[in-house]
C-alpha cells in the first residue's frame, strides 16, 4: 500500500484537504509530535520548528510558519510515528535523514529536559528512518555541543 493511501485511510473526512506528506511535511509533523509529546506546546518550540524548517528547506519565516501549521494538522491526522519515518527513509538520502534526526533532537533538547514520550518518538522515528542507535547518540551530542550554555 502506498503511504499516501495509508494516510487517506486514517485521515478524518473533514481533513481531506490536507496534502499528501512528502519528506518535509513528514519531518515537520515529527517535530510537532515531539514538541507536543509533553502536552506543553511552547511558543519557543513553535519558533524553533519554524527556524528548522527555514534552515533545512530554505523557507522564509512566513513560508515556514505555513508549513508548520500544515504539519500540525498532519500530526493530528497521522496514524503513527513510523509512517512519517518510513516516508523520510524512502524519499531522502542518508545525510538528509541524519539532518532530520538532528532536528528532532533540537526540539527534544530545546527545553533542557528529555521526557519519556519525547525519547520514545525519537527512537521510533530513528528506527523507521533506518538509522542506528549510534547515529541518534551522535545527533544528540551534536545538538548538545551546539547549544548555548544555560
C-alpha atoms as a PDB file:
ATOM      1  CA  UNK A   1       0.000   0.000   0.000  1.00  0.00           C
ATOM      2  CA  UNK A   2       1.356   3.433  -0.924  1.00  0.00           C
ATOM      3  CA  UNK A   3       1.987   5.756   2.000  1.00  0.00           C
ATOM      4  CA  UNK A   4      -0.410   8.336   0.561  1.00  0.00           C
ATOM      5  CA  UNK A   5      -3.176   5.721   0.575  1.00  0.00           C
ATOM      6  CA  UNK A   6      -2.338   4.837   4.168  1.00  0.00           C
ATOM      7  CA  UNK A   7      -2.708   8.478   5.163  1.00  0.00           C
ATOM      8  CA  UNK A   8      -6.081   8.643   3.405  1.00  0.00           C
ATOM      9  CA  UNK A   9      -7.339   5.665   5.439  1.00  0.00           C
ATOM     10  CA  UNK A  10      -6.536   7.369   8.753  1.00  0.00           C
ATOM     11  CA  UNK A  11      -7.455  10.899   7.730  1.00  0.00           C
ATOM     12  CA  UNK A  12     -10.792  12.122   9.100  1.00  0.00           C
ATOM     13  CA  UNK A  13     -13.292  13.197   6.447  1.00  0.00           C
ATOM     14  CA  UNK A  14     -13.092  16.864   7.488  1.00  0.00           C
ATOM     15  CA  UNK A  15      -9.329  16.840   6.873  1.00  0.00           C
ATOM     16  CA  UNK A  16      -9.462  15.525   3.319  1.00  0.00           C
ATOM     17  CA  UNK A  17      -7.918  18.794   2.104  1.00  0.00           C
ATOM     18  CA  UNK A  18      -4.573  18.022   3.757  1.00  0.00           C
ATOM     19  CA  UNK A  19      -1.761  17.391   1.284  1.00  0.00           C
ATOM     20  CA  UNK A  20      -0.138  14.009   0.946  1.00  0.00           C
ATOM     21  CA  UNK A  21       3.025  14.341   3.009  1.00  0.00           C
ATOM     22  CA  UNK A  22       6.461  14.480   1.482  1.00  0.00           C
ATOM     23  CA  UNK A  23       9.703  14.239   3.454  1.00  0.00           C
ATOM     24  CA  UNK A  24       9.484  17.893   4.523  1.00  0.00           C
ATOM     25  CA  UNK A  25       5.941  17.591   5.846  1.00  0.00           C
ATOM     26  CA  UNK A  26       6.765  14.248   7.466  1.00  0.00           C
ATOM     27  CA  UNK A  27       9.731  15.749   9.317  1.00  0.00           C
ATOM     28  CA  UNK A  28       7.691  18.803  10.275  1.00  0.00           C
ATOM     29  CA  UNK A  29       4.937  16.581  11.658  1.00  0.00           C
ATOM     30  CA  UNK A  30       7.518  14.605  13.648  1.00  0.00           C
ATOM     31  CA  UNK A  31       8.949  17.848  15.042  1.00  0.00           C
ATOM     32  CA  UNK A  32       5.447  18.900  16.090  1.00  0.00           C
ATOM     33  CA  UNK A  33       4.808  15.448  17.558  1.00  0.00           C
ATOM     34  CA  UNK A  34       7.965  15.667  19.689  1.00  0.00           C
ATOM     35  CA  UNK A  35       7.144  19.212  20.821  1.00  0.00           C
ATOM     36  CA  UNK A  36       3.593  18.242  21.787  1.00  0.00           C
ATOM     37  CA  UNK A  37       4.531  14.948  23.455  1.00  0.00           C
ATOM     38  CA  UNK A  38       4.791  16.540  26.893  1.00  0.00           C
ATOM     39  CA  UNK A  39       1.381  18.196  26.381  1.00  0.00           C
ATOM     40  CA  UNK A  40       3.044  21.606  26.686  1.00  0.00           C
ATOM     41  CA  UNK A  41       3.497  23.054  23.185  1.00  0.00           C
ATOM     42  CA  UNK A  42       5.518  26.174  23.954  1.00  0.00           C
ATOM     43  CA  UNK A  43       5.964  29.256  21.789  1.00  0.00           C
ATOM     44  CA  UNK A  44       9.723  28.625  21.937  1.00  0.00           C
ATOM     45  CA  UNK A  45       9.203  25.173  20.427  1.00  0.00           C
ATOM     46  CA  UNK A  46       6.991  26.584  17.674  1.00  0.00           C
ATOM     47  CA  UNK A  47       9.644  29.178  16.837  1.00  0.00           C
ATOM     48  CA  UNK A  48      12.351  26.521  16.841  1.00  0.00           C
ATOM     49  CA  UNK A  49      10.354  24.324  14.447  1.00  0.00           C
ATOM     50  CA  UNK A  50       9.893  27.317  12.151  1.00  0.00           C
ATOM     51  CA  UNK A  51      13.648  28.038  12.246  1.00  0.00           C
ATOM     52  CA  UNK A  52      14.462  24.400  11.488  1.00  0.00           C
ATOM     53  CA  UNK A  53      12.080  24.427   8.504  1.00  0.00           C
ATOM     54  CA  UNK A  54      13.666  27.676   7.310  1.00  0.00           C
ATOM     55  CA  UNK A  55      17.169  26.254   7.640  1.00  0.00           C
ATOM     56  CA  UNK A  56      16.561  22.834   6.109  1.00  0.00           C
ATOM     57  CA  UNK A  57      14.149  23.804   3.329  1.00  0.00           C
ATOM     58  CA  UNK A  58      15.196  27.403   2.579  1.00  0.00           C
ATOM     59  CA  UNK A  59      11.830  28.935   3.518  1.00  0.00           C
ATOM     60  CA  UNK A  60      11.291  32.493   4.624  1.00  0.00           C
ATOM     61  CA  UNK A  61       9.594  33.000   8.001  1.00  0.00           C
ATOM     62  CA  UNK A  62       6.052  33.136   6.577  1.00  0.00           C
ATOM     63  CA  UNK A  63       6.505  30.026   4.436  1.00  0.00           C
ATOM     64  CA  UNK A  64       7.977  28.121   7.378  1.00  0.00           C
ATOM     65  CA  UNK A  65       5.043  29.077   9.603  1.00  0.00           C
ATOM     66  CA  UNK A  66       2.580  27.919   6.933  1.00  0.00           C
ATOM     67  CA  UNK A  67       4.399  24.605   6.544  1.00  0.00           C
ATOM     68  CA  UNK A  68       4.449  24.136  10.326  1.00  0.00           C
ATOM     69  CA  UNK A  69       0.693  24.830  10.513  1.00  0.00           C
ATOM     70  CA  UNK A  70       0.121  22.133   7.885  1.00  0.00           C
ATOM     71  CA  UNK A  71       2.418  19.803   9.827  1.00  0.00           C
ATOM     72  CA  UNK A  72       0.380  20.395  12.990  1.00  0.00           C
ATOM     73  CA  UNK A  73      -2.725  19.198  11.119  1.00  0.00           C
ATOM     74  CA  UNK A  74      -0.874  16.215   9.656  1.00  0.00           C
ATOM     75  CA  UNK A  75       0.423  15.281  13.110  1.00  0.00           C
ATOM     76  CA  UNK A  76      -3.139  15.266  14.415  1.00  0.00           C
ATOM     77  CA  UNK A  77      -4.375  13.152  11.497  1.00  0.00           C
ATOM     78  CA  UNK A  78      -1.447  10.751  11.150  1.00  0.00           C
ATOM     79  CA  UNK A  79      -1.611   7.184  12.382  1.00  0.00           C
ATOM     80  CA  UNK A  80       1.861   6.828  13.914  1.00  0.00           C
ATOM     81  CA  UNK A  81       5.446   7.984  14.011  1.00  0.00           C
ATOM     82  CA  UNK A  82       6.647   5.037  11.913  1.00  0.00           C
ATOM     83  CA  UNK A  83       4.687   6.218   8.887  1.00  0.00           C
ATOM     84  CA  UNK A  84       6.454   9.578   8.867  1.00  0.00           C
ATOM     85  CA  UNK A  85       9.837   7.986   9.489  1.00  0.00           C
ATOM     86  CA  UNK A  86       9.379   5.459   6.684  1.00  0.00           C
ATOM     87  CA  UNK A  87       8.388   8.222   4.282  1.00  0.00           C
ATOM     88  CA  UNK A  88      11.575  10.106   5.154  1.00  0.00           C
ATOM     89  CA  UNK A  89      13.654   6.913   4.750  1.00  0.00           C
ATOM     90  CA  UNK A  90      12.135   6.133   1.363  1.00  0.00           C
ATOM     91  CA  UNK A  91      12.452   9.614  -0.113  1.00  0.00           C
ATOM     92  CA  UNK A  92      15.677  11.118   1.239  1.00  0.00           C
ATOM     93  CA  UNK A  93      19.398  10.424   1.302  1.00  0.00           C
ATOM     94  CA  UNK A  94      21.354   9.351   4.368  1.00  0.00           C
ATOM     95  CA  UNK A  95      22.701  12.885   5.030  1.00  0.00           C
ATOM     96  CA  UNK A  96      19.127  14.248   4.901  1.00  0.00           C
ATOM     97  CA  UNK A  97      17.917  11.557   7.316  1.00  0.00           C
ATOM     98  CA  UNK A  98      20.777  12.398   9.692  1.00  0.00           C
ATOM     99  CA  UNK A  99      19.831  16.090   9.467  1.00  0.00           C
ATOM    100  CA  UNK A 100      16.238  15.125  10.271  1.00  0.00           C
ATOM    101  CA  UNK A 101      17.437  13.245  13.357  1.00  0.00           C
ATOM    102  CA  UNK A 102      19.483  16.289  14.419  1.00  0.00           C
ATOM    103  CA  UNK A 103      16.371  18.446  14.027  1.00  0.00           C
ATOM    104  CA  UNK A 104      14.312  16.081  16.174  1.00  0.00           C
ATOM    105  CA  UNK A 105      16.948  16.221  18.898  1.00  0.00           C
ATOM    106  CA  UNK A 106      16.961  20.037  18.689  1.00  0.00           C
ATOM    107  CA  UNK A 107      13.273  20.067  19.598  1.00  0.00           C
ATOM    108  CA  UNK A 108      13.668  17.426  22.317  1.00  0.00           C
ATOM    109  CA  UNK A 109      16.522  19.336  23.951  1.00  0.00           C
ATOM    110  CA  UNK A 110      15.051  22.827  23.468  1.00  0.00           C
ATOM    111  CA  UNK A 111      13.648  22.993  26.999  1.00  0.00           C
ATOM    112  CA  UNK A 112      16.662  21.348  28.628  1.00  0.00           C
ATOM    113  CA  UNK A 113      14.688  18.231  29.539  1.00  0.00           C
ATOM    114  CA  UNK A 114      14.174  14.859  27.910  1.00  0.00           C
ATOM    115  CA  UNK A 115      10.906  13.198  28.826  1.00  0.00           C
ATOM    116  CA  UNK A 116       9.972   9.602  28.145  1.00  0.00           C
ATOM    117  CA  UNK A 117       7.399  10.493  25.483  1.00  0.00           C
ATOM    118  CA  UNK A 118       9.931  12.526  23.510  1.00  0.00           C
ATOM    119  CA  UNK A 119      12.523   9.781  23.716  1.00  0.00           C
ATOM    120  CA  UNK A 120      10.032   7.174  22.502  1.00  0.00           C
ATOM    121  CA  UNK A 121       9.193   9.313  19.471  1.00  0.00           C
ATOM    122  CA  UNK A 122      12.893   9.811  18.694  1.00  0.00           C
ATOM    123  CA  UNK A 123      13.512   6.077  18.989  1.00  0.00           C
ATOM    124  CA  UNK A 124      10.538   5.146  16.786  1.00  0.00           C
ATOM    125  CA  UNK A 125      11.498   7.762  14.194  1.00  0.00           C
ATOM    126  CA  UNK A 126      15.146   6.676  14.241  1.00  0.00           C
ATOM    127  CA  UNK A 127      14.240   3.055  13.580  1.00  0.00           C
ATOM    128  CA  UNK A 128      11.719   3.949  10.871  1.00  0.00           C
ATOM    129  CA  UNK A 129      14.288   6.187   9.145  1.00  0.00           C
ATOM    130  CA  UNK A 130      16.738   3.272   9.085  1.00  0.00           C
ATOM    131  CA  UNK A 131      19.275   4.928  11.386  1.00  0.00           C
ATOM    132  CA  UNK A 132      21.305   3.332  14.153  1.00  0.00           C
ATOM    133  CA  UNK A 133      21.305   3.985  17.866  1.00  0.00           C
ATOM    134  CA  UNK A 134      24.846   5.344  17.426  1.00  0.00           C
ATOM    135  CA  UNK A 135      23.508   7.805  14.817  1.00  0.00           C
ATOM    136  CA  UNK A 136      20.990   9.012  17.388  1.00  0.00           C
ATOM    137  CA  UNK A 137      23.611   9.364  20.117  1.00  0.00           C
ATOM    138  CA  UNK A 138      25.854  11.347  17.754  1.00  0.00           C
ATOM    139  CA  UNK A 139      22.939  13.576  16.749  1.00  0.00           C
ATOM    140  CA  UNK A 140      22.100  14.260  20.404  1.00  0.00           C
ATOM    141  CA  UNK A 141      25.744  15.031  21.156  1.00  0.00           C
ATOM    142  CA  UNK A 142      25.979  17.386  18.144  1.00  0.00           C
ATOM    143  CA  UNK A 143      22.906  19.277  19.296  1.00  0.00           C
ATOM    144  CA  UNK A 144      24.154  19.436  22.884  1.00  0.00           C
ATOM    145  CA  UNK A 145      27.525  20.665  21.630  1.00  0.00           C
ATOM    146  CA  UNK A 146      25.896  23.393  19.560  1.00  0.00           C
ATOM    147  CA  UNK A 147      23.521  24.524  22.312  1.00  0.00           C
ATOM    148  CA  UNK A 148      24.302  27.776  24.106  1.00  0.00           C
ATOM    149  CA  UNK A 149      25.227  27.385  27.766  1.00  0.00           C
ATOM    150  CA  UNK A 150      22.242  27.585  30.079  1.00  0.00           C
END
